[in-house]
Amino acid sequence: MKNCTLIILLFIQINFSFACLNGETKILKNGLLIYEDKETFEIPKGHDFAKIDLEKVKKELNAEYEKTKDLDYLSDVGYILILQGKYQEALSTYLLIELKNQMNIQLLQI
């Protein structure tokens, strides 16, 4: 009987731990909603991406980055590149962010 109770409790714990993966939302720095997962008690099927023009969004994010120099915009550009399947460009973008971040840290230490 103890084994049966233990198995049931483990199953309940696992079920609830998977539930926390649902309900995620991805909102870019410019406020654009990319996806919102609905909270259900079913097996997650992946993200439901909004129907957006990724190229237009990428240009808008680049323009905001040029205006503000906020690396969050550049990070979102990398995210858009991944969604477009442009993995090498995304990697280059993230490496550029790391370089700029290191430069900002060094300037703050001076």
N, C-alpha and C. Protein backbone atom coordinates (compact mmCIF):
# COMPACT_ATOMS: atom_id res chain seq x y z
N MET A 1 0.82 -1.20 0.00
CA MET A 1 0.00 0.00 0.00
C MET A 1 0.87 1.27 0.00
N LYS A 2 1.98 1.23 0.77
CA LYS A 2 2.87 2.39 0.81
C LYS A 2 3.49 2.65 -0.56
N ASN A 3 3.85 1.57 -1.26
CA ASN A 3 4.43 1.73 -2.60
C ASN A 3 3.44 2.35 -3.56
N CYS A 4 2.20 1.93 -3.48
CA CYS A 4 1.15 2.46 -4.34
C CYS A 4 0.95 3.96 -4.07
N THR A 5 0.92 4.33 -2.80
CA THR A 5 0.77 5.74 -2.43
C THR A 5 1.95 6.56 -2.92
N LEU A 6 3.14 6.01 -2.77
CA LEU A 6 4.34 6.70 -3.23
C LEU A 6 4.31 6.93 -4.73
N ILE A 7 3.91 5.93 -5.48
CA ILE A 7 3.83 6.05 -6.94
C ILE A 7 2.82 7.11 -7.33
N ILE A 8 1.69 7.12 -6.68
CA ILE A 8 0.65 8.12 -6.99
C ILE A 8 1.17 9.53 -6.68
N LEU A 9 1.82 9.69 -5.54
CA LEU A 9 2.36 11.00 -5.18
C LEU A 9 3.44 11.46 -6.16
N LEU A 10 4.29 10.55 -6.60
CA LEU A 10 5.31 10.89 -7.60
C LEU A 10 4.67 11.30 -8.91
N PHE A 11 3.65 10.58 -9.33
CA PHE A 11 2.96 10.90 -10.58
C PHE A 11 2.33 12.29 -10.49
N ILE A 12 1.70 12.60 -9.37
CA ILE A 12 1.09 13.92 -9.19
C ILE A 12 2.17 15.00 -9.24
N GLN A 13 3.28 14.77 -8.58
CA GLN A 13 4.37 15.75 -8.58
C GLN A 13 4.92 15.97 -9.99
N ILE A 14 5.13 14.91 -10.73
CA ILE A 14 5.63 15.02 -12.10
C ILE A 14 4.63 15.77 -12.96
N ASN A 15 3.36 15.45 -12.82
CA ASN A 15 2.31 16.10 -13.61
C ASN A 15 2.31 17.61 -13.35
N PHE A 16 2.41 18.03 -12.10
CA PHE A 16 2.42 19.45 -11.79
C PHE A 16 3.72 20.11 -12.22
N SER A 17 4.83 19.40 -12.18
CA SER A 17 6.08 20.01 -12.60
C SER A 17 6.10 20.26 -14.10
N PHE A 18 5.42 19.44 -14.88
CA PHE A 18 5.32 19.70 -16.31
C PHE A 18 4.39 20.87 -16.59
N ALA A 19 3.40 21.04 -15.77
CA ALA A 19 2.43 22.11 -15.98
C ALA A 19 3.08 23.48 -15.93
N CYS A 20 4.17 23.63 -15.18
CA CYS A 20 4.79 24.94 -15.08
C CYS A 20 5.49 25.33 -16.38
N LEU A 21 5.69 24.40 -17.30
CA LEU A 21 6.29 24.73 -18.58
C LEU A 21 5.29 25.40 -19.52
N ASN A 22 4.02 25.25 -19.25
CA ASN A 22 2.98 25.85 -20.07
C ASN A 22 2.75 27.29 -19.64
N GLY A 23 2.04 28.01 -20.46
CA GLY A 23 1.68 29.37 -20.10
C GLY A 23 2.75 30.40 -20.34
N GLU A 24 3.80 30.05 -21.04
CA GLU A 24 4.86 31.01 -21.31
C GLU A 24 4.42 32.02 -22.35
N THR A 25 5.02 33.18 -22.25
CA THR A 25 4.75 34.26 -23.20
C THR A 25 6.09 34.86 -23.60
N LYS A 26 6.25 35.18 -24.87
CA LYS A 26 7.46 35.85 -25.35
C LYS A 26 7.07 37.21 -25.90
N ILE A 27 7.49 38.25 -25.20
CA ILE A 27 7.24 39.62 -25.64
C ILE A 27 8.60 40.27 -25.87
N LEU A 28 8.76 40.84 -27.04
CA LEU A 28 10.02 41.51 -27.39
C LEU A 28 10.13 42.85 -26.67
N LYS A 29 11.31 43.42 -26.69
CA LYS A 29 11.59 44.70 -26.02
C LYS A 29 10.68 45.81 -26.53
N ASN A 30 10.28 45.74 -27.80
CA ASN A 30 9.41 46.76 -28.37
C ASN A 30 7.93 46.52 -28.05
N GLY A 31 7.63 45.49 -27.24
CA GLY A 31 6.26 45.23 -26.82
C GLY A 31 5.50 44.26 -27.70
N LEU A 32 6.13 43.75 -28.75
CA LEU A 32 5.44 42.84 -29.67
C LEU A 32 5.35 41.45 -29.07
N LEU A 33 4.15 40.89 -29.07
CA LEU A 33 3.91 39.54 -28.58
C LEU A 33 4.26 38.55 -29.69
N ILE A 34 5.24 37.70 -29.44
CA ILE A 34 5.65 36.70 -30.43
C ILE A 34 4.83 35.43 -30.28
N TYR A 35 4.70 34.96 -29.05
CA TYR A 35 3.84 33.79 -28.81
C TYR A 35 3.31 33.83 -27.39
N GLU A 36 2.20 33.15 -27.24
CA GLU A 36 1.62 32.97 -25.91
C GLU A 36 1.04 31.57 -25.86
N ASP A 37 1.58 30.77 -24.98
CA ASP A 37 1.08 29.41 -24.82
C ASP A 37 -0.12 29.44 -23.90
N LYS A 38 -1.15 28.73 -24.29
CA LYS A 38 -2.33 28.64 -23.47
C LYS A 38 -2.10 27.61 -22.37
N GLU A 39 -2.59 27.92 -21.18
CA GLU A 39 -2.45 26.98 -20.08
C GLU A 39 -3.53 25.91 -20.20
N THR A 40 -3.08 24.69 -20.38
CA THR A 40 -4.00 23.56 -20.45
C THR A 40 -3.41 22.43 -19.62
N PHE A 41 -4.19 21.42 -19.41
CA PHE A 41 -3.69 20.25 -18.69
C PHE A 41 -3.37 19.12 -19.67
N GLU A 42 -3.20 19.48 -20.93
CA GLU A 42 -2.84 18.51 -21.95
C GLU A 42 -1.33 18.53 -22.14
N ILE A 43 -0.85 17.62 -22.95
CA ILE A 43 0.58 17.58 -23.27
C ILE A 43 0.90 18.79 -24.13
N PRO A 44 1.95 19.55 -23.79
CA PRO A 44 2.31 20.72 -24.59
C PRO A 44 2.63 20.32 -26.03
N LYS A 45 2.18 21.12 -26.99
CA LYS A 45 2.40 20.81 -28.40
C LYS A 45 3.38 21.77 -29.06
N GLY A 46 3.91 22.71 -28.30
CA GLY A 46 4.82 23.69 -28.88
C GLY A 46 4.19 25.06 -28.84
N HIS A 47 4.92 26.05 -29.30
CA HIS A 47 4.44 27.42 -29.25
C HIS A 47 3.54 27.73 -30.43
N ASP A 48 2.53 28.55 -30.19
CA ASP A 48 1.69 29.10 -31.26
C ASP A 48 2.21 30.50 -31.56
N PHE A 49 2.98 30.61 -32.64
CA PHE A 49 3.58 31.90 -32.98
C PHE A 49 2.56 32.79 -33.66
N ALA A 50 2.63 34.07 -33.33
CA ALA A 50 1.75 35.06 -33.95
C ALA A 50 2.13 35.19 -35.43
N LYS A 51 1.17 35.57 -36.23
CA LYS A 51 1.42 35.79 -37.66
C LYS A 51 1.97 37.21 -37.82
N ILE A 52 3.31 37.29 -37.92
CA ILE A 52 3.95 38.59 -38.05
C ILE A 52 4.99 38.54 -39.17
N ASP A 53 5.31 39.72 -39.66
CA ASP A 53 6.34 39.87 -40.69
C ASP A 53 7.69 39.99 -39.97
N LEU A 54 8.42 38.88 -39.90
CA LEU A 54 9.67 38.85 -39.12
C LEU A 54 10.72 39.81 -39.66
N GLU A 55 10.75 39.98 -40.97
CA GLU A 55 11.75 40.89 -41.57
C GLU A 55 11.47 42.34 -41.15
N LYS A 56 10.20 42.72 -41.14
CA LYS A 56 9.81 44.07 -40.72
C LYS A 56 10.13 44.28 -39.24
N VAL A 57 9.84 43.29 -38.42
CA VAL A 57 10.12 43.38 -36.99
C VAL A 57 11.62 43.52 -36.75
N LYS A 58 12.41 42.75 -37.50
CA LYS A 58 13.87 42.81 -37.37
C LYS A 58 14.38 44.21 -37.70
N LYS A 59 13.85 44.84 -38.74
CA LYS A 59 14.27 46.19 -39.11
C LYS A 59 13.88 47.19 -38.01
N GLU A 60 12.68 47.02 -37.44
CA GLU A 60 12.24 47.91 -36.37
C GLU A 60 13.14 47.77 -35.13
N LEU A 61 13.47 46.53 -34.80
CA LEU A 61 14.34 46.30 -33.64
C LEU A 61 15.73 46.88 -33.87
N ASN A 62 16.26 46.72 -35.08
CA ASN A 62 17.57 47.30 -35.41
C ASN A 62 17.53 48.82 -35.30
N ALA A 63 16.44 49.42 -35.78
CA ALA A 63 16.30 50.89 -35.69
C ALA A 63 16.25 51.35 -34.24
N GLU A 64 15.52 50.64 -33.41
CA GLU A 64 15.45 50.98 -31.98
C GLU A 64 16.81 50.81 -31.30
N TYR A 65 17.54 49.77 -31.70
CA TYR A 65 18.88 49.58 -31.14
C TYR A 65 19.78 50.75 -31.52
N GLU A 66 19.73 51.17 -32.79
CA GLU A 66 20.57 52.28 -33.24
C GLU A 66 20.24 53.56 -32.49
N LYS A 67 18.95 53.76 -32.17
CA LYS A 67 18.55 54.95 -31.43
C LYS A 67 18.98 54.91 -29.97
N THR A 68 18.78 53.76 -29.33
CA THR A 68 18.95 53.69 -27.88
C THR A 68 20.24 53.01 -27.43
N LYS A 69 20.84 52.21 -28.29
CA LYS A 69 22.01 51.38 -27.96
C LYS A 69 21.70 50.38 -26.84
N ASP A 70 20.42 50.05 -26.67
CA ASP A 70 19.98 49.07 -25.67
C ASP A 70 20.18 47.68 -26.26
N LEU A 71 21.03 46.88 -25.61
CA LEU A 71 21.38 45.55 -26.13
C LEU A 71 20.19 44.58 -26.14
N ASP A 72 19.15 44.89 -25.39
CA ASP A 72 17.95 44.03 -25.42
C ASP A 72 17.33 44.00 -26.82
N TYR A 73 17.35 45.14 -27.51
CA TYR A 73 16.83 45.18 -28.88
C TYR A 73 17.68 44.29 -29.79
N LEU A 74 18.98 44.36 -29.63
CA LEU A 74 19.87 43.54 -30.45
C LEU A 74 19.69 42.06 -30.14
N SER A 75 19.46 41.74 -28.89
CA SER A 75 19.18 40.35 -28.50
C SER A 75 17.91 39.84 -29.16
N ASP A 76 16.90 40.70 -29.23
CA ASP A 76 15.65 40.31 -29.90
C ASP A 76 15.85 40.13 -31.40
N VAL A 77 16.78 40.89 -31.97
CA VAL A 77 17.13 40.67 -33.39
C VAL A 77 17.68 39.26 -33.56
N GLY A 78 18.56 38.85 -32.65
CA GLY A 78 19.08 37.49 -32.69
C GLY A 78 17.98 36.45 -32.58
N TYR A 79 17.01 36.71 -31.72
CA TYR A 79 15.87 35.80 -31.56
C TYR A 79 15.08 35.67 -32.86
N ILE A 80 14.84 36.81 -33.52
CA ILE A 80 14.12 36.81 -34.80
C ILE A 80 14.92 36.03 -35.85
N LEU A 81 16.23 36.21 -35.86
CA LEU A 81 17.07 35.48 -36.81
C LEU A 81 16.96 33.97 -36.59
N ILE A 82 16.88 33.54 -35.34
CA ILE A 82 16.69 32.12 -35.06
C ILE A 82 15.34 31.65 -35.61
N LEU A 83 14.30 32.44 -35.40
CA LEU A 83 12.98 32.06 -35.93
C LEU A 83 12.99 31.97 -37.45
N GLN A 84 13.83 32.78 -38.09
CA GLN A 84 13.95 32.75 -39.54
C GLN A 84 14.87 31.63 -40.03
N GLY A 85 15.51 30.94 -39.11
CA GLY A 85 16.42 29.86 -39.49
C GLY A 85 17.81 30.35 -39.88
N LYS A 86 18.11 31.59 -39.57
CA LYS A 86 19.42 32.17 -39.91
C LYS A 86 20.34 32.05 -38.69
N TYR A 87 20.74 30.83 -38.41
CA TYR A 87 21.45 30.53 -37.17
C TYR A 87 22.84 31.15 -37.10
N GLN A 88 23.55 31.18 -38.19
CA GLN A 88 24.90 31.76 -38.19
C GLN A 88 24.84 33.26 -37.94
N GLU A 89 23.86 33.94 -38.56
CA GLU A 89 23.68 35.38 -38.31
C GLU A 89 23.30 35.63 -36.86
N ALA A 90 22.45 34.77 -36.32
CA ALA A 90 22.04 34.90 -34.92
C ALA A 90 23.26 34.74 -34.00
N LEU A 91 24.08 33.75 -34.29
CA LEU A 91 25.29 33.53 -33.49
C LEU A 91 26.19 34.75 -33.55
N SER A 92 26.37 35.30 -34.74
CA SER A 92 27.20 36.50 -34.89
C SER A 92 26.62 37.67 -34.09
N THR A 93 25.31 37.79 -34.10
CA THR A 93 24.64 38.86 -33.35
C THR A 93 24.87 38.69 -31.86
N TYR A 94 24.72 37.47 -31.36
CA TYR A 94 24.93 37.23 -29.93
C TYR A 94 26.40 37.42 -29.53
N LEU A 95 27.32 37.05 -30.41
CA LEU A 95 28.73 37.30 -30.12
C LEU A 95 29.02 38.80 -30.08
N LEU A 96 28.39 39.55 -30.96
CA LEU A 96 28.53 41.01 -30.96
C LEU A 96 27.99 41.60 -29.65
N ILE A 97 26.87 41.06 -29.18
CA ILE A 97 26.30 41.52 -27.90
C ILE A 97 27.29 41.27 -26.77
N GLU A 98 27.89 40.08 -26.76
CA GLU A 98 28.87 39.76 -25.72
C GLU A 98 30.05 40.73 -25.77
N LEU A 99 30.52 41.02 -26.96
CA LEU A 99 31.64 41.94 -27.13
C LEU A 99 31.27 43.34 -26.62
N LYS A 100 30.10 43.82 -27.02
CA LYS A 100 29.66 45.15 -26.59
C LYS A 100 29.44 45.19 -25.08
N ASN A 101 28.91 44.10 -24.53
CA ASN A 101 28.69 44.04 -23.09
C ASN A 101 30.02 44.09 -22.34
N GLN A 102 31.01 43.35 -22.83
CA GLN A 102 32.33 43.38 -22.21
C GLN A 102 32.95 44.77 -22.29
N MET A 103 32.76 45.44 -23.43
CA MET A 103 33.28 46.80 -23.57
C MET A 103 32.61 47.75 -22.58
N ASN A 104 31.30 47.59 -22.39
CA ASN A 104 30.57 48.44 -21.43
C ASN A 104 31.07 48.19 -20.02
N ILE A 105 31.31 46.94 -19.67
CA ILE A 105 31.82 46.61 -18.34
C ILE A 105 33.20 47.23 -18.12
N GLN A 106 34.06 47.15 -19.14
CA GLN A 106 35.40 47.72 -19.01
C GLN A 106 35.34 49.24 -18.87
N LEU A 107 34.41 49.88 -19.59
CA LEU A 107 34.28 51.34 -19.47
C LEU A 107 33.80 51.73 -18.08
N LEU A 108 32.94 50.93 -17.48
CA LEU A 108 32.44 51.22 -16.14
C LEU A 108 33.53 51.06 -15.09
N GLN A 109 34.50 50.20 -15.36
CA GLN A 109 35.57 49.96 -14.39
C GLN A 109 36.64 51.04 -14.43
N ILE A 110 36.66 51.83 -15.47
CA ILE A 110 37.68 52.88 -15.61
C ILE A 110 37.34 54.06 -14.70
